[in-house]
Protein backbone atom coordinates (compact mmCIF):
# COMPACT_ATOMS: atom_id res chain seq x y z
CA MET A 1 -34.77 23.90 0.63
CA ASN A 2 -31.63 25.86 1.46
CA THR A 3 -29.85 27.88 -1.22
CA HIS A 4 -26.64 25.91 -0.75
CA ASN A 5 -28.54 22.69 -1.44
CA LEU A 6 -29.77 24.06 -4.75
CA TYR A 7 -26.21 24.89 -5.75
CA LEU A 8 -25.06 21.48 -4.56
CA PHE A 9 -27.72 19.77 -6.70
CA LYS A 10 -26.62 21.85 -9.70
CA ALA A 11 -23.02 20.78 -9.11
CA LEU A 12 -23.95 17.12 -8.76
CA GLU A 13 -26.00 17.27 -11.95
CA ALA A 14 -23.25 19.02 -13.92
CA TYR A 15 -20.32 16.86 -12.80
CA PRO A 16 -18.36 15.54 -14.76
CA TRP A 17 -19.89 16.65 -18.07
CA GLU A 18 -20.06 20.39 -17.46
CA LEU A 19 -17.08 21.14 -15.26
CA GLU A 20 -17.35 24.91 -15.37
CA LYS A 21 -20.95 24.80 -14.14
CA ALA A 22 -20.09 22.17 -11.54
CA VAL A 23 -17.18 24.14 -10.09
CA GLU A 24 -19.13 27.39 -10.07
CA ALA A 25 -22.04 25.74 -8.26
CA LEU A 26 -19.65 24.09 -5.81
CA GLN A 27 -18.01 27.41 -5.00
CA TYR A 28 -21.42 28.91 -4.23
CA ALA A 29 -22.46 25.88 -2.18
CA LEU A 30 -19.23 26.00 -0.16
CA SER A 31 -19.54 29.74 0.37
CA TYR A 32 -22.93 29.11 2.01
CA GLU A 33 -21.82 26.05 3.95
CA PRO A 34 -18.02 25.57 4.07
CA GLU A 35 -18.26 22.22 5.89
CA ASN A 36 -20.76 20.52 3.57
CA VAL A 37 -19.29 17.03 3.19
CA THR A 38 -20.89 16.32 -0.19
CA ALA A 39 -19.65 19.60 -1.67
CA LEU A 40 -16.16 19.10 -0.23
CA CYS A 41 -15.98 15.56 -1.64
CA LEU A 42 -17.14 16.66 -5.06
CA MET A 43 -14.60 19.50 -5.10
CA ALA A 44 -11.91 17.01 -4.09
CA ARG A 45 -12.96 14.75 -6.97
CA VAL A 46 -12.70 17.67 -9.39
CA TYR A 47 -9.13 18.27 -8.27
CA ALA A 48 -8.18 14.58 -8.30
CA GLU A 49 -10.02 13.27 -11.35
CA GLN A 50 -10.06 16.27 -13.66
CA LEU A 51 -7.12 18.47 -12.69
CA GLU A 52 -4.84 15.78 -11.23
CA ASP A 53 -3.93 18.16 -8.43
CA PHE A 54 -3.73 15.53 -5.74
CA GLU A 55 -2.52 17.81 -2.97
CA MET A 56 -5.57 20.06 -3.33
CA ALA A 57 -7.77 16.98 -3.60
CA LYS A 58 -6.31 15.59 -0.39
CA MET A 59 -6.91 18.92 1.33
CA TYR A 60 -10.61 18.87 0.38
CA PHE A 61 -10.98 15.22 1.36
CA GLU A 62 -9.36 15.94 4.73
CA LYS A 63 -11.77 18.86 5.27
CA ALA A 64 -14.68 16.52 4.49
CA ILE A 65 -13.38 13.94 6.96
CA ALA A 66 -12.94 16.63 9.61
CA ALA A 67 -16.53 17.71 9.02
CA ASN A 68 -17.93 14.17 9.33
CA ILE A 69 -15.54 11.26 9.79
CA GLN A 70 -18.42 8.75 9.72
CA MET A 71 -19.60 9.68 6.18
CA PRO A 72 -18.97 6.52 4.14
CA LYS A 73 -19.11 8.13 0.69
CA ILE A 74 -15.89 10.09 1.37
CA TYR A 75 -13.61 7.11 1.42
CA PRO A 76 -13.73 5.37 -2.02
CA PRO A 77 -12.88 8.51 -4.05
CA TYR A 78 -10.30 9.52 -1.43
CA ILE A 79 -8.61 6.13 -1.68
CA ARG A 80 -8.63 6.34 -5.51
CA ALA A 81 -6.93 9.74 -5.31
CA LEU A 82 -4.31 8.36 -2.93
CA LEU A 83 -3.64 5.42 -5.25
CA LEU A 84 -3.27 7.73 -8.25
CA ASN A 85 -0.77 9.80 -6.27
CA ASP A 86 1.20 6.71 -5.14
CA ASP A 87 0.39 7.40 -1.47
CA PHE A 88 0.13 3.67 -0.77
CA ASP A 89 0.75 3.69 2.99
CA GLU A 90 -1.85 6.40 3.50
CA ALA A 91 -4.29 4.57 1.22
CA GLN A 92 -3.92 1.41 3.32
CA LYS A 93 -4.68 3.34 6.51
CA VAL A 94 -7.78 4.88 4.95
CA ILE A 95 -8.96 1.48 3.68
CA ASP A 96 -8.47 -0.05 7.12
CA PHE A 97 -10.48 2.72 8.76
CA ALA A 98 -13.23 2.75 6.11
CA MET A 99 -13.75 -1.01 6.58
CA THR A 100 -14.78 -0.33 10.18
CA LEU A 101 -17.55 2.11 9.26
CA LYS A 102 -21.20 1.18 8.92
CA ALA A 103 -22.76 1.56 5.49
CA THR A 104 -19.52 1.63 3.52
CA ASP A 105 -19.49 -0.17 0.20
CA LYS A 106 -17.32 -3.11 1.22
CA GLY A 107 -17.17 -4.44 -2.34
CA THR A 108 -15.61 -1.20 -3.57
CA LEU A 109 -13.23 -1.11 -0.62
CA TYR A 110 -12.04 -4.66 -1.35
CA LEU A 111 -11.65 -3.69 -5.02
CA LEU A 112 -9.50 -0.73 -4.01
CA GLN A 113 -7.53 -2.96 -1.64
CA GLY A 114 -6.84 -5.28 -4.58
CA GLN A 115 -5.72 -2.34 -6.72
CA LEU A 116 -3.42 -1.20 -3.93
CA PHE A 117 -1.81 -4.64 -3.72
CA GLU A 118 -1.53 -4.73 -7.51
CA ASN A 119 0.34 -1.43 -7.42
CA LEU A 120 2.69 -2.96 -4.86
CA HIS A 121 3.18 -6.05 -7.10
CA THR A 122 1.82 -8.38 -4.41
CA TYR A 123 -0.47 -10.16 -6.83
CA GLU A 124 -1.55 -13.03 -4.57
CA LYS A 125 -2.86 -10.56 -1.99
CA ALA A 126 -4.49 -8.57 -4.79
CA GLU A 127 -6.26 -11.71 -6.04
CA LYS A 128 -7.50 -12.50 -2.55
CA ALA A 129 -8.90 -8.97 -2.09
CA LEU A 130 -10.53 -9.02 -5.53
CA LYS A 131 -12.14 -12.39 -4.82
CA GLU A 132 -13.57 -10.92 -1.63
CA ALA A 133 -14.86 -7.91 -3.61
CA ARG A 134 -16.56 -10.28 -6.03
CA ASN A 135 -18.09 -12.25 -3.15
CA VAL A 136 -19.61 -9.20 -1.45
CA GLY A 137 -20.61 -7.43 -4.68
CA LEU A 138 -24.32 -6.73 -4.98
CA ASN A 139 -24.43 -5.69 -8.61
CA THR A 140 -23.86 -7.79 -11.74
CA ASP A 141 -21.92 -5.05 -13.55
CA PHE A 142 -19.65 -4.58 -10.52
CA ILE A 143 -19.05 -8.33 -10.20
CA GLU A 144 -18.21 -8.63 -13.90
CA PHE A 145 -15.82 -5.68 -13.60
CA VAL A 146 -14.11 -7.29 -10.62
CA GLU A 147 -13.81 -10.58 -12.52
CA ARG A 148 -12.00 -8.77 -15.37
CA GLU A 149 -9.72 -7.09 -12.82
CA LEU A 150 -9.04 -10.49 -11.28
CA GLU A 151 -8.17 -11.99 -14.67
CA ARG A 152 -5.67 -9.19 -15.32
CA VAL A 153 -4.03 -9.58 -11.92
CA THR A 154 -3.86 -13.35 -12.31
CA LYS A 155 -2.03 -12.93 -15.64
CA LYS A 156 0.40 -10.54 -13.99
CA ARG A 157 1.04 -13.01 -11.16
CA GLU A 158 1.61 -15.86 -13.61
CA ARG A 159 4.02 -13.72 -15.66
CA GLN A 160 5.85 -12.70 -12.48
CA ASN A 161 6.16 -16.37 -11.45
CA ARG A 162 7.49 -17.34 -14.91
CA GLU A 163 10.04 -14.53 -14.80
CA LYS A 164 11.11 -15.54 -11.32
CA LYS A 165 11.58 -19.17 -12.43
CA THR A 166 13.62 -17.99 -15.42
CA GLU A 167 15.80 -15.84 -13.16
CA ASP A 168 16.23 -18.73 -10.72
CA THR A 169 17.21 -21.07 -13.57
CA LYS A 170 19.74 -18.55 -14.91
CA SER A 171 21.11 -18.04 -11.41
CA ASP A 172 21.41 -21.82 -10.88
CA SER A 173 23.19 -22.31 -14.21
CA LYS A 174 25.62 -19.46 -13.42
CA THR A 175 26.32 -21.05 -10.04
CA GLU A 176 26.92 -24.44 -11.67
CA THR A 177 29.21 -22.90 -14.30
CA SER A 178 31.08 -21.02 -11.63
CA LYS A 179 31.52 -24.20 -9.55
CA SER A 180 32.75 -26.21 -12.54
CA TRP A 181 35.32 -23.54 -13.39
CA LYS A 182 36.53 -23.50 -9.80
CA HIS A 183 36.93 -27.29 -9.87
CA ARG A 184 38.89 -27.12 -13.14
CA LEU A 185 41.13 -24.35 -11.82
CA ASN A 186 41.72 -26.26 -8.60
CA SER A 187 42.67 -29.40 -10.49
CA LEU A 188 45.14 -27.43 -12.61
CA LEU A 189 46.80 -25.96 -9.54
């Protein structure tokens, strides 16, 4: 067992409950092996999830990808960080690439795709992605979580459709009022 692995295990065990210990162990692990993908990903998660320093998180995720682009566990937390930072175009590119890799958690990727579409207010696409996540899910807790996400997005879509109908009705009534006033003015002239 290498020393850097021992520090990496300590970091994995400590995160997220004992952040000081986790970060200290990560720093030691990375000093022994600067291109360790697991350590880089965990450090990126610390920056994204705990410190909300998305630029540093992206830097660590990019180092992890440079070290091993085929490592599937990099992509879900990276996509979450991109979504939190409103980097939607970049998130879509990462999702598209991650879907092509073997051994990626497709259910989680479809869930993240749905969350991306929800952020963009394209609720029908979000529902479709979430349904796909539910279909490929292999865990009851995950499937139930996705179903709750789907319910929320469906409510948002229905509210958006109601608001659009209300706006269309108001617009139609304004147009009708405007036309009737024009006819009255024309008849007076």
